[in-house]
C-alpha cells in the first residue's frame, strides 16, 4: 500500500532540505555504522558502464587539522600578503564540521561512456551523500572553494593528476532549525516542448 505523497516523510525532507553554513555545524558526526550507510547510499547512483568514476577521501578527527595545515601553507604561498587572520580562516576550513568527505571524480576518456556522463555520476554521488546525511538527521554543505582547483593542494590530499574534486561534503549537526531561502518559481525554470 502506497503512502499519500503529502505525508511521505522522505518527500517532506526533500521539500525542506537546504544547505547549512559550515560555521554553524557542530558534532558529533556520524558513527561508523552511519558512515557506512552514508557511503553505501552515496554509491547508488546512475553509472553508465559500471565504471565507478568516483571515490571518497574522508577528513575526520585529527586529519582535519592536518589538512588545515596544508591549506594554510598553500594559501600563504599563493597570497604572500595574507594576514594572520586570513591564514587562520584557511587553517580552520575543514575543522568546523566533524566530518568532511571529498568526492573525487575519476572521469576520463572511455571508448563507450562519455566523460560528461561520468562527471554527472560523480555529482550524483555528492547529492546522494547530502540527501542520505539529511535523512539521518545531519546537516550538510556541499562546497568546493579555491583548494578544490589548486593542483598542489589536491596532490597533498592524495588526488591524482587525472582526478578532480566534485565537492567537499561537510556533515555535522545544528541545534537551531534551518532558515529557508527563496527558491525559483517553477514557471521560471520549466518549459514544455
N, C-alpha and C. Protein backbone atom coordinates (compact mmCIF):
# COMPACT_ATOMS: atom_id res chain seq x y z
N UNK A 1 0.84 -1.18 0.00
CA UNK A 1 0.00 0.00 0.00
C UNK A 1 0.89 1.24 0.00
N UNK A 2 0.65 2.15 -0.93
CA UNK A 2 1.45 3.37 -1.05
C UNK A 2 0.98 4.43 -0.07
N UNK A 3 1.97 5.17 0.46
CA UNK A 3 1.63 6.30 1.31
C UNK A 3 1.19 7.46 0.44
N UNK A 4 0.34 8.30 1.01
CA UNK A 4 -0.03 9.52 0.30
C UNK A 4 1.20 10.41 0.19
N UNK A 5 1.45 11.03 -0.98
CA UNK A 5 2.64 11.87 -1.14
C UNK A 5 2.71 13.02 -0.14
N UNK A 6 1.57 13.52 0.31
CA UNK A 6 1.59 14.67 1.22
C UNK A 6 1.99 14.30 2.64
N UNK A 7 2.11 12.99 2.94
CA UNK A 7 2.55 12.60 4.28
C UNK A 7 3.78 11.69 4.24
N UNK A 8 4.39 11.53 3.08
CA UNK A 8 5.58 10.72 2.95
C UNK A 8 6.76 11.48 3.58
N UNK A 9 7.41 10.94 4.61
CA UNK A 9 8.48 11.68 5.28
C UNK A 9 9.68 11.97 4.39
N UNK A 10 9.97 11.08 3.45
CA UNK A 10 11.09 11.32 2.55
C UNK A 10 10.81 12.53 1.65
N UNK A 11 9.59 12.60 1.12
CA UNK A 11 9.24 13.76 0.29
C UNK A 11 9.27 15.04 1.10
N UNK A 12 8.80 14.99 2.32
CA UNK A 12 8.81 16.18 3.17
C UNK A 12 10.25 16.63 3.43
N UNK A 13 11.14 15.68 3.69
CA UNK A 13 12.55 16.02 3.90
C UNK A 13 13.13 16.65 2.64
N UNK A 14 12.83 16.09 1.48
CA UNK A 14 13.36 16.64 0.23
C UNK A 14 12.80 18.03 -0.06
N UNK A 15 11.54 18.26 0.30
CA UNK A 15 10.94 19.58 0.06
C UNK A 15 11.55 20.66 0.94
N UNK A 16 12.11 20.28 2.07
CA UNK A 16 12.63 21.29 3.01
C UNK A 16 14.16 21.24 3.15
N UNK A 17 14.81 20.35 2.44
CA UNK A 17 16.27 20.22 2.52
C UNK A 17 16.96 21.51 2.11
N UNK A 18 18.01 21.86 2.83
CA UNK A 18 18.81 23.01 2.45
C UNK A 18 20.19 22.88 3.05
N UNK A 19 21.14 23.57 2.47
CA UNK A 19 22.50 23.57 2.98
C UNK A 19 22.58 24.44 4.23
N UNK A 20 23.55 24.12 5.08
CA UNK A 20 23.78 24.86 6.32
C UNK A 20 25.22 25.37 6.28
N UNK A 21 25.45 26.63 6.66
CA UNK A 21 26.82 27.13 6.68
C UNK A 21 27.70 26.28 7.60
N UNK A 22 28.91 25.99 7.16
CA UNK A 22 29.79 25.13 7.95
C UNK A 22 30.10 25.73 9.31
N UNK A 23 30.11 27.06 9.41
CA UNK A 23 30.38 27.70 10.71
C UNK A 23 29.29 27.40 11.73
N UNK A 24 28.12 26.97 11.28
CA UNK A 24 27.02 26.65 12.19
C UNK A 24 27.00 25.18 12.58
N UNK A 25 27.95 24.41 12.06
CA UNK A 25 27.95 22.97 12.32
C UNK A 25 28.71 22.63 13.59
N UNK A 26 28.31 21.52 14.19
CA UNK A 26 28.98 21.00 15.37
C UNK A 26 28.90 19.48 15.34
N UNK A 27 29.49 18.85 16.33
CA UNK A 27 29.45 17.38 16.42
C UNK A 27 28.31 16.95 17.30
N UNK A 28 28.16 15.68 17.45
CA UNK A 28 29.02 14.65 16.87
C UNK A 28 28.66 14.36 15.42
N UNK A 29 29.62 13.79 14.75
CA UNK A 29 29.41 13.37 13.37
C UNK A 29 28.83 11.97 13.33
N UNK A 30 28.74 11.41 12.14
CA UNK A 30 28.22 10.04 12.00
C UNK A 30 29.10 9.02 12.72
N UNK A 31 28.46 8.04 13.33
CA UNK A 31 29.22 6.94 13.92
C UNK A 31 29.60 5.98 12.77
N UNK A 32 30.43 4.96 13.04
CA UNK A 32 30.89 4.09 11.94
C UNK A 32 29.75 3.44 11.15
N UNK A 33 28.69 2.99 11.81
CA UNK A 33 27.57 2.39 11.09
C UNK A 33 26.86 3.42 10.21
N UNK A 34 26.66 4.63 10.75
CA UNK A 34 26.02 5.69 9.96
C UNK A 34 26.90 6.07 8.77
N UNK A 35 28.20 6.13 8.98
CA UNK A 35 29.10 6.47 7.89
C UNK A 35 29.04 5.41 6.79
N UNK A 36 29.02 4.13 7.17
CA UNK A 36 28.87 3.07 6.17
C UNK A 36 27.56 3.22 5.40
N UNK A 37 26.50 3.57 6.11
CA UNK A 37 25.20 3.78 5.45
C UNK A 37 25.30 4.93 4.46
N UNK A 38 25.90 6.04 4.88
CA UNK A 38 26.03 7.21 4.00
C UNK A 38 26.81 6.87 2.74
N UNK A 39 27.93 6.20 2.90
CA UNK A 39 28.77 5.89 1.74
C UNK A 39 28.11 4.86 0.83
N UNK A 40 27.39 3.91 1.42
CA UNK A 40 26.67 2.91 0.62
C UNK A 40 25.59 3.59 -0.22
N UNK A 41 24.83 4.47 0.40
CA UNK A 41 23.78 5.19 -0.33
C UNK A 41 24.40 6.11 -1.39
N UNK A 42 25.51 6.75 -1.05
CA UNK A 42 26.16 7.67 -1.99
C UNK A 42 26.54 6.96 -3.29
N UNK A 43 26.91 5.69 -3.20
CA UNK A 43 27.36 4.97 -4.40
C UNK A 43 26.22 4.41 -5.24
N UNK A 44 24.99 4.53 -4.78
CA UNK A 44 23.85 4.00 -5.54
C UNK A 44 23.32 5.07 -6.50
N UNK A 45 24.12 5.35 -7.51
CA UNK A 45 23.80 6.39 -8.48
C UNK A 45 23.86 5.81 -9.89
N UNK A 46 23.27 6.50 -10.86
CA UNK A 46 23.45 6.08 -12.24
C UNK A 46 24.95 6.07 -12.58
N UNK A 47 25.39 4.99 -13.19
CA UNK A 47 26.80 4.81 -13.51
C UNK A 47 26.89 3.99 -14.79
N UNK A 48 26.67 4.66 -15.91
CA UNK A 48 26.68 4.02 -17.22
C UNK A 48 28.00 3.28 -17.41
N UNK A 49 27.93 2.01 -17.69
CA UNK A 49 29.11 1.20 -17.90
C UNK A 49 29.72 0.63 -16.63
N UNK A 50 29.10 0.92 -15.49
CA UNK A 50 29.61 0.43 -14.19
C UNK A 50 31.09 0.77 -14.01
N UNK A 51 31.45 2.01 -14.31
CA UNK A 51 32.85 2.43 -14.24
C UNK A 51 33.28 2.86 -12.84
N UNK A 52 32.31 3.22 -11.99
CA UNK A 52 32.63 3.75 -10.66
C UNK A 52 33.62 4.92 -10.81
N UNK A 53 33.19 5.97 -11.54
CA UNK A 53 34.13 7.07 -11.85
C UNK A 53 34.25 8.09 -10.72
N UNK A 54 34.33 7.62 -9.50
CA UNK A 54 34.43 8.49 -8.34
C UNK A 54 34.98 7.67 -7.17
N UNK A 55 35.47 8.38 -6.19
CA UNK A 55 35.93 7.76 -4.95
C UNK A 55 35.84 8.80 -3.84
N UNK A 56 36.14 8.40 -2.61
CA UNK A 56 35.99 9.27 -1.44
C UNK A 56 37.31 9.44 -0.70
N UNK A 57 37.52 10.62 -0.15
CA UNK A 57 38.58 10.88 0.82
C UNK A 57 37.89 11.43 2.07
N UNK A 58 38.09 10.77 3.22
CA UNK A 58 37.46 11.20 4.46
C UNK A 58 38.41 12.07 5.27
N UNK A 59 37.90 13.19 5.75
CA UNK A 59 38.62 14.07 6.66
C UNK A 59 37.83 14.07 7.97
N UNK A 60 38.37 13.42 8.98
CA UNK A 60 37.71 13.37 10.28
C UNK A 60 38.77 13.37 11.37
N UNK A 61 38.38 13.69 12.59
CA UNK A 61 39.32 13.71 13.69
C UNK A 61 40.50 14.61 13.41
N UNK A 62 41.70 14.14 13.77
CA UNK A 62 42.92 14.93 13.61
C UNK A 62 43.28 15.19 12.15
N UNK A 63 42.78 14.38 11.24
CA UNK A 63 43.07 14.57 9.82
C UNK A 63 42.58 15.93 9.34
N UNK A 64 41.52 16.45 9.95
CA UNK A 64 41.01 17.77 9.56
C UNK A 64 42.03 18.86 9.87
N UNK A 65 42.70 18.75 11.02
CA UNK A 65 43.72 19.74 11.38
C UNK A 65 44.96 19.59 10.50
N UNK A 66 45.35 18.36 10.20
CA UNK A 66 46.50 18.15 9.30
C UNK A 66 46.21 18.74 7.92
N UNK A 67 45.00 18.52 7.43
CA UNK A 67 44.61 19.10 6.14
C UNK A 67 44.59 20.62 6.23
N UNK A 68 44.17 21.13 7.37
CA UNK A 68 44.16 22.58 7.58
C UNK A 68 45.55 23.19 7.50
N UNK A 69 46.56 22.46 7.98
CA UNK A 69 47.94 22.95 7.86
C UNK A 69 48.36 23.02 6.40
N UNK A 70 47.93 22.03 5.61
CA UNK A 70 48.21 22.05 4.17
C UNK A 70 47.56 23.28 3.53
N UNK A 71 46.31 23.52 3.88
CA UNK A 71 45.59 24.67 3.31
C UNK A 71 46.24 25.98 3.72
N UNK A 72 46.60 26.12 4.99
CA UNK A 72 47.20 27.37 5.46
C UNK A 72 48.52 27.63 4.75
N UNK A 73 49.37 26.61 4.64
CA UNK A 73 50.67 26.77 3.99
C UNK A 73 50.51 27.15 2.52
N UNK A 74 49.62 26.44 1.83
CA UNK A 74 49.43 26.72 0.41
C UNK A 74 48.81 28.10 0.20
N UNK A 75 47.88 28.49 1.07
CA UNK A 75 47.27 29.81 0.97
C UNK A 75 48.34 30.90 1.12
N UNK A 76 49.26 30.71 2.08
CA UNK A 76 50.35 31.69 2.28
C UNK A 76 51.23 31.77 1.03
N UNK A 77 51.50 30.62 0.42
CA UNK A 77 52.32 30.61 -0.79
C UNK A 77 51.64 31.38 -1.92
N UNK A 78 50.34 31.17 -2.06
CA UNK A 78 49.59 31.82 -3.14
C UNK A 78 49.28 33.29 -2.85
N UNK A 79 49.28 33.65 -1.55
CA UNK A 79 48.91 35.00 -1.13
C UNK A 79 49.94 35.52 -0.13
N UNK A 80 51.12 35.92 -0.60
CA UNK A 80 52.19 36.31 0.32
C UNK A 80 51.80 37.49 1.24
N UNK A 81 50.86 38.29 0.83
CA UNK A 81 50.44 39.43 1.65
C UNK A 81 49.29 39.12 2.61
N UNK A 82 48.93 37.85 2.71
CA UNK A 82 47.79 37.46 3.56
C UNK A 82 48.07 37.77 5.02
N UNK A 83 47.04 38.20 5.72
CA UNK A 83 47.16 38.46 7.15
C UNK A 83 47.10 37.15 7.92
N UNK A 84 47.53 37.21 9.17
CA UNK A 84 47.45 36.02 10.03
C UNK A 84 46.00 35.55 10.16
N UNK A 85 45.06 36.50 10.24
CA UNK A 85 43.64 36.14 10.36
C UNK A 85 43.15 35.41 9.12
N UNK A 86 43.57 35.85 7.94
CA UNK A 86 43.17 35.18 6.70
C UNK A 86 43.74 33.77 6.63
N UNK A 87 44.97 33.61 7.04
CA UNK A 87 45.59 32.28 7.05
C UNK A 87 44.87 31.37 8.03
N UNK A 88 44.48 31.92 9.17
CA UNK A 88 43.78 31.12 10.18
C UNK A 88 42.42 30.63 9.67
N UNK A 89 41.73 31.46 8.88
CA UNK A 89 40.47 31.03 8.27
C UNK A 89 40.71 29.79 7.41
N UNK A 90 41.77 29.81 6.63
CA UNK A 90 42.08 28.67 5.77
C UNK A 90 42.46 27.44 6.60
N UNK A 91 43.19 27.66 7.67
CA UNK A 91 43.60 26.56 8.55
C UNK A 91 42.38 25.85 9.13
N UNK A 92 41.33 26.58 9.41
CA UNK A 92 40.13 26.02 10.06
C UNK A 92 39.08 25.52 9.07
N UNK A 93 39.30 25.69 7.76
CA UNK A 93 38.28 25.37 6.74
C UNK A 93 37.61 24.02 6.92
N UNK A 94 38.37 22.99 7.22
CA UNK A 94 37.81 21.64 7.29
C UNK A 94 37.58 21.19 8.73
N UNK A 95 37.63 22.12 9.68
CA UNK A 95 37.51 21.74 11.08
C UNK A 95 36.17 22.08 11.72
N UNK A 96 35.30 22.76 11.03
CA UNK A 96 34.02 23.15 11.63
C UNK A 96 33.07 21.96 11.72
N UNK A 97 32.93 21.23 10.64
CA UNK A 97 32.09 20.02 10.65
C UNK A 97 32.92 18.86 11.17
N UNK A 98 32.30 17.93 11.90
CA UNK A 98 33.06 16.79 12.41
C UNK A 98 33.51 15.82 11.31
N UNK A 99 32.89 15.89 10.15
CA UNK A 99 33.26 15.02 9.03
C UNK A 99 33.16 15.81 7.73
N UNK A 100 34.20 15.71 6.92
CA UNK A 100 34.18 16.26 5.57
C UNK A 100 34.57 15.12 4.64
N UNK A 101 33.77 14.91 3.63
CA UNK A 101 34.04 13.86 2.65
C UNK A 101 34.29 14.52 1.30
N UNK A 102 35.50 14.32 0.77
CA UNK A 102 35.80 14.79 -0.58
C UNK A 102 35.32 13.72 -1.55
N UNK A 103 34.50 14.14 -2.50
CA UNK A 103 34.10 13.24 -3.58
C UNK A 103 35.01 13.56 -4.76
N UNK A 104 35.78 12.56 -5.16
CA UNK A 104 36.77 12.72 -6.21
C UNK A 104 36.22 12.13 -7.49
N UNK A 105 36.23 12.92 -8.54
CA UNK A 105 35.79 12.46 -9.86
C UNK A 105 36.97 11.82 -10.59
N UNK A 106 36.76 10.58 -11.03
CA UNK A 106 37.77 9.87 -11.82
C UNK A 106 37.35 9.81 -13.29
N UNK A 107 36.50 10.74 -13.71
CA UNK A 107 36.01 10.75 -15.09
C UNK A 107 37.19 10.89 -16.05
N UNK A 108 37.09 10.15 -17.15
CA UNK A 108 38.14 10.22 -18.15
C UNK A 108 37.71 9.61 -19.46
N UNK A 109 38.57 9.67 -20.46
CA UNK A 109 38.23 9.12 -21.77
C UNK A 109 37.87 7.63 -21.67
N UNK A 110 36.85 7.25 -22.45
CA UNK A 110 36.39 5.86 -22.49
C UNK A 110 35.83 5.60 -23.88
N UNK A 111 35.98 4.38 -24.35
CA UNK A 111 35.53 4.03 -25.70
C UNK A 111 34.03 4.20 -25.89
N UNK A 112 33.24 3.95 -24.84
CA UNK A 112 31.78 4.00 -24.99
C UNK A 112 31.08 5.02 -24.10
N UNK A 113 31.66 5.34 -22.97
CA UNK A 113 30.97 6.19 -21.98
C UNK A 113 31.54 7.59 -22.03
N UNK A 114 30.73 8.58 -22.44
CA UNK A 114 31.23 9.96 -22.50
C UNK A 114 31.72 10.44 -21.12
N UNK A 115 32.78 11.21 -21.14
CA UNK A 115 33.34 11.74 -19.90
C UNK A 115 32.29 12.57 -19.13
N UNK A 116 31.45 13.28 -19.87
CA UNK A 116 30.41 14.10 -19.23
C UNK A 116 29.48 13.24 -18.38
N UNK A 117 29.10 12.05 -18.87
CA UNK A 117 28.23 11.16 -18.09
C UNK A 117 28.94 10.69 -16.82
N UNK A 118 30.23 10.47 -16.91
CA UNK A 118 30.98 10.07 -15.73
C UNK A 118 31.03 11.20 -14.70
N UNK A 119 31.20 12.42 -15.19
CA UNK A 119 31.22 13.59 -14.30
C UNK A 119 29.87 13.77 -13.63
N UNK A 120 28.79 13.60 -14.39
CA UNK A 120 27.45 13.71 -13.81
C UNK A 120 27.23 12.64 -12.73
N UNK A 121 27.77 11.45 -12.95
CA UNK A 121 27.64 10.39 -11.96
C UNK A 121 28.31 10.80 -10.65
N UNK A 122 29.45 11.45 -10.74
CA UNK A 122 30.14 11.92 -9.54
C UNK A 122 29.33 13.00 -8.83
N UNK A 123 28.69 13.88 -9.60
CA UNK A 123 27.81 14.87 -8.99
C UNK A 123 26.62 14.23 -8.31
N UNK A 124 26.12 13.15 -8.91
CA UNK A 124 25.00 12.42 -8.29
C UNK A 124 25.44 11.78 -6.97
N UNK A 125 26.69 11.33 -6.90
CA UNK A 125 27.23 10.79 -5.64
C UNK A 125 27.17 11.87 -4.57
N UNK A 126 27.58 13.08 -4.92
CA UNK A 126 27.53 14.19 -3.95
C UNK A 126 26.11 14.42 -3.45
N UNK A 127 25.15 14.46 -4.36
CA UNK A 127 23.77 14.73 -3.95
C UNK A 127 23.21 13.58 -3.13
N UNK A 128 23.52 12.33 -3.50
CA UNK A 128 23.06 11.20 -2.70
C UNK A 128 23.65 11.27 -1.29
N UNK A 129 24.90 11.64 -1.19
CA UNK A 129 25.56 11.76 0.11
C UNK A 129 24.88 12.83 0.96
N UNK A 130 24.61 13.98 0.36
CA UNK A 130 23.91 15.06 1.06
C UNK A 130 22.53 14.60 1.52
N UNK A 131 21.78 13.99 0.62
CA UNK A 131 20.42 13.57 0.94
C UNK A 131 20.41 12.49 2.02
N UNK A 132 21.32 11.53 1.92
CA UNK A 132 21.38 10.47 2.93
C UNK A 132 21.73 11.04 4.29
N UNK A 133 22.68 11.97 4.34
CA UNK A 133 23.06 12.58 5.62
C UNK A 133 21.88 13.35 6.21
N UNK A 134 21.16 14.09 5.38
CA UNK A 134 19.99 14.82 5.86
C UNK A 134 18.92 13.86 6.36
N UNK A 135 18.73 12.75 5.67
CA UNK A 135 17.73 11.76 6.09
C UNK A 135 18.09 11.14 7.44
N UNK A 136 19.39 11.07 7.75
CA UNK A 136 19.82 10.55 9.04
C UNK A 136 19.82 11.61 10.14
N UNK A 137 19.41 12.84 9.80
CA UNK A 137 19.31 13.88 10.81
C UNK A 137 20.50 14.81 10.88
N UNK A 138 21.45 14.67 9.96
CA UNK A 138 22.61 15.57 9.94
C UNK A 138 22.31 16.76 9.04
N UNK A 139 23.11 17.81 9.19
CA UNK A 139 23.06 18.94 8.27
C UNK A 139 24.30 18.85 7.39
N UNK A 140 24.22 19.47 6.22
CA UNK A 140 25.30 19.33 5.24
C UNK A 140 25.54 20.63 4.50
N UNK A 141 26.71 20.69 3.90
CA UNK A 141 27.04 21.75 2.95
C UNK A 141 27.99 21.16 1.92
N UNK A 142 27.65 21.31 0.65
CA UNK A 142 28.45 20.80 -0.47
C UNK A 142 29.21 22.00 -1.02
N UNK A 143 30.54 21.99 -0.82
CA UNK A 143 31.38 23.12 -1.22
C UNK A 143 32.55 22.65 -2.07
N UNK A 144 33.16 23.60 -2.76
CA UNK A 144 34.43 23.34 -3.42
C UNK A 144 35.49 24.26 -2.81
N UNK A 145 35.41 25.55 -3.01
CA UNK A 145 36.40 26.52 -2.55
C UNK A 145 37.65 26.47 -3.43
N UNK A 146 38.57 27.38 -3.21
CA UNK A 146 39.76 27.53 -4.06
C UNK A 146 40.61 26.27 -4.11
N UNK A 147 40.72 25.57 -3.00
CA UNK A 147 41.62 24.43 -2.92
C UNK A 147 41.14 23.23 -3.73
N UNK A 148 39.88 23.21 -4.12
CA UNK A 148 39.38 22.15 -4.99
C UNK A 148 39.96 22.27 -6.40
N UNK A 149 40.53 23.43 -6.71
CA UNK A 149 41.07 23.70 -8.04
C UNK A 149 42.58 23.95 -8.03
N UNK A 150 43.20 23.77 -6.86
CA UNK A 150 44.62 24.01 -6.73
C UNK A 150 45.36 22.67 -6.77
N UNK A 151 46.10 22.44 -7.84
CA UNK A 151 46.72 21.14 -8.06
C UNK A 151 47.67 20.75 -6.94
N UNK A 152 48.45 21.67 -6.40
CA UNK A 152 49.38 21.31 -5.33
C UNK A 152 48.64 20.85 -4.07
N UNK A 153 47.55 21.52 -3.74
CA UNK A 153 46.75 21.10 -2.59
C UNK A 153 46.14 19.73 -2.85
N UNK A 154 45.60 19.55 -4.04
CA UNK A 154 45.00 18.25 -4.37
C UNK A 154 46.02 17.13 -4.29
N UNK A 155 47.22 17.38 -4.79
CA UNK A 155 48.27 16.36 -4.70
C UNK A 155 48.56 16.02 -3.24
N UNK A 156 48.61 17.04 -2.38
CA UNK A 156 48.86 16.81 -0.95
C UNK A 156 47.74 15.99 -0.31
N UNK A 157 46.52 16.13 -0.83
CA UNK A 157 45.37 15.38 -0.30
C UNK A 157 45.25 13.98 -0.93
N UNK A 158 46.13 13.65 -1.87
CA UNK A 158 46.09 12.32 -2.49
C UNK A 158 45.22 12.23 -3.72
N UNK A 159 44.91 13.38 -4.33
CA UNK A 159 44.12 13.41 -5.56
C UNK A 159 45.09 13.35 -6.74
N UNK A 160 44.95 12.34 -7.57
CA UNK A 160 45.86 12.15 -8.70
C UNK A 160 45.68 13.24 -9.76
N UNK A 161 46.67 13.37 -10.62
CA UNK A 161 46.65 14.40 -11.66
C UNK A 161 45.48 14.25 -12.62
N UNK A 162 44.98 13.01 -12.81
CA UNK A 162 43.87 12.79 -13.73
C UNK A 162 42.51 12.83 -13.02
N UNK A 163 42.48 13.29 -11.77
CA UNK A 163 41.24 13.36 -10.99
C UNK A 163 40.92 14.81 -10.65
N UNK A 164 39.64 15.03 -10.32
CA UNK A 164 39.18 16.36 -9.90
C UNK A 164 38.25 16.19 -8.70
N UNK A 165 38.02 17.28 -8.00
CA UNK A 165 37.10 17.27 -6.86
C UNK A 165 35.71 17.67 -7.34
N UNK A 166 34.73 16.82 -7.07
CA UNK A 166 33.33 17.17 -7.35
C UNK A 166 32.75 17.97 -6.20
N UNK A 167 33.26 17.75 -5.01
CA UNK A 167 32.79 18.53 -3.87
C UNK A 167 33.37 18.03 -2.57
N UNK A 168 33.45 18.95 -1.62
CA UNK A 168 33.74 18.61 -0.23
C UNK A 168 32.40 18.67 0.48
N UNK A 169 31.93 17.53 0.99
CA UNK A 169 30.64 17.46 1.66
C UNK A 169 30.90 17.54 3.17
N UNK A 170 30.50 18.65 3.77
CA UNK A 170 30.65 18.88 5.21
C UNK A 170 29.39 18.33 5.89
N UNK A 171 29.59 17.50 6.90
CA UNK A 171 28.48 16.82 7.58
C UNK A 171 28.60 17.04 9.08
N UNK A 172 27.53 17.55 9.69
CA UNK A 172 27.54 17.78 11.13
C UNK A 172 26.13 17.87 11.68
N UNK A 173 26.02 18.58 12.76
CA UNK A 173 24.72 18.79 13.41
C UNK A 173 24.54 20.28 13.67
N UNK A 174 23.28 20.65 13.92
CA UNK A 174 22.96 22.04 14.22
C UNK A 174 21.81 22.04 15.21
N UNK A 175 21.90 22.92 16.20
CA UNK A 175 20.86 23.00 17.23
C UNK A 175 19.59 23.68 16.74
N UNK A 176 19.74 24.71 15.92
CA UNK A 176 18.58 25.50 15.51
C UNK A 176 18.07 25.03 14.15
N UNK A 177 16.77 25.20 13.91
CA UNK A 177 16.24 24.82 12.59
C UNK A 177 16.83 25.69 11.48
N UNK A 178 16.89 25.13 10.29
CA UNK A 178 17.39 25.87 9.14
C UNK A 178 16.38 26.91 8.69
N UNK A 179 16.90 28.05 8.29
CA UNK A 179 16.05 29.06 7.65
C UNK A 179 16.12 28.81 6.16
N UNK A 180 14.98 28.88 5.51
CA UNK A 180 14.98 28.64 4.07
C UNK A 180 15.39 29.89 3.33
N UNK A 181 15.69 29.74 2.07
CA UNK A 181 16.00 30.85 1.19
C UNK A 181 15.01 30.83 0.04
N UNK A 182 14.87 31.91 -0.68
CA UNK A 182 13.94 31.91 -1.82
C UNK A 182 14.35 30.86 -2.86
N UNK A 183 13.36 30.19 -3.38
CA UNK A 183 13.57 29.20 -4.44
C UNK A 183 12.92 29.72 -5.72
N UNK A 184 13.42 29.30 -6.89
CA UNK A 184 12.84 29.83 -8.12
C UNK A 184 11.41 29.35 -8.32
N UNK A 185 10.51 30.25 -8.74
CA UNK A 185 9.17 29.78 -9.08
C UNK A 185 9.27 28.82 -10.26
N UNK A 186 8.48 27.76 -10.22
CA UNK A 186 8.57 26.73 -11.26
C UNK A 186 8.36 27.29 -12.67
N UNK A 187 7.48 28.27 -12.81
CA UNK A 187 7.23 28.78 -14.16
C UNK A 187 8.45 29.53 -14.73
N UNK A 188 9.46 29.83 -13.88
CA UNK A 188 10.67 30.48 -14.40
C UNK A 188 11.73 29.47 -14.82
N UNK A 189 11.55 28.20 -14.49
CA UNK A 189 12.56 27.20 -14.82
C UNK A 189 11.99 26.00 -15.59
N UNK A 190 10.69 26.00 -15.85
CA UNK A 190 10.06 24.87 -16.54
C UNK A 190 9.48 25.34 -17.85
N UNK A 191 9.75 24.59 -18.91
CA UNK A 191 9.08 24.84 -20.18
C UNK A 191 8.64 23.50 -20.74
N UNK A 192 7.74 23.56 -21.67
CA UNK A 192 7.25 22.32 -22.31
C UNK A 192 7.55 22.39 -23.79
N UNK A 193 7.95 21.30 -24.35
CA UNK A 193 8.28 21.22 -25.76
C UNK A 193 7.03 20.92 -26.57
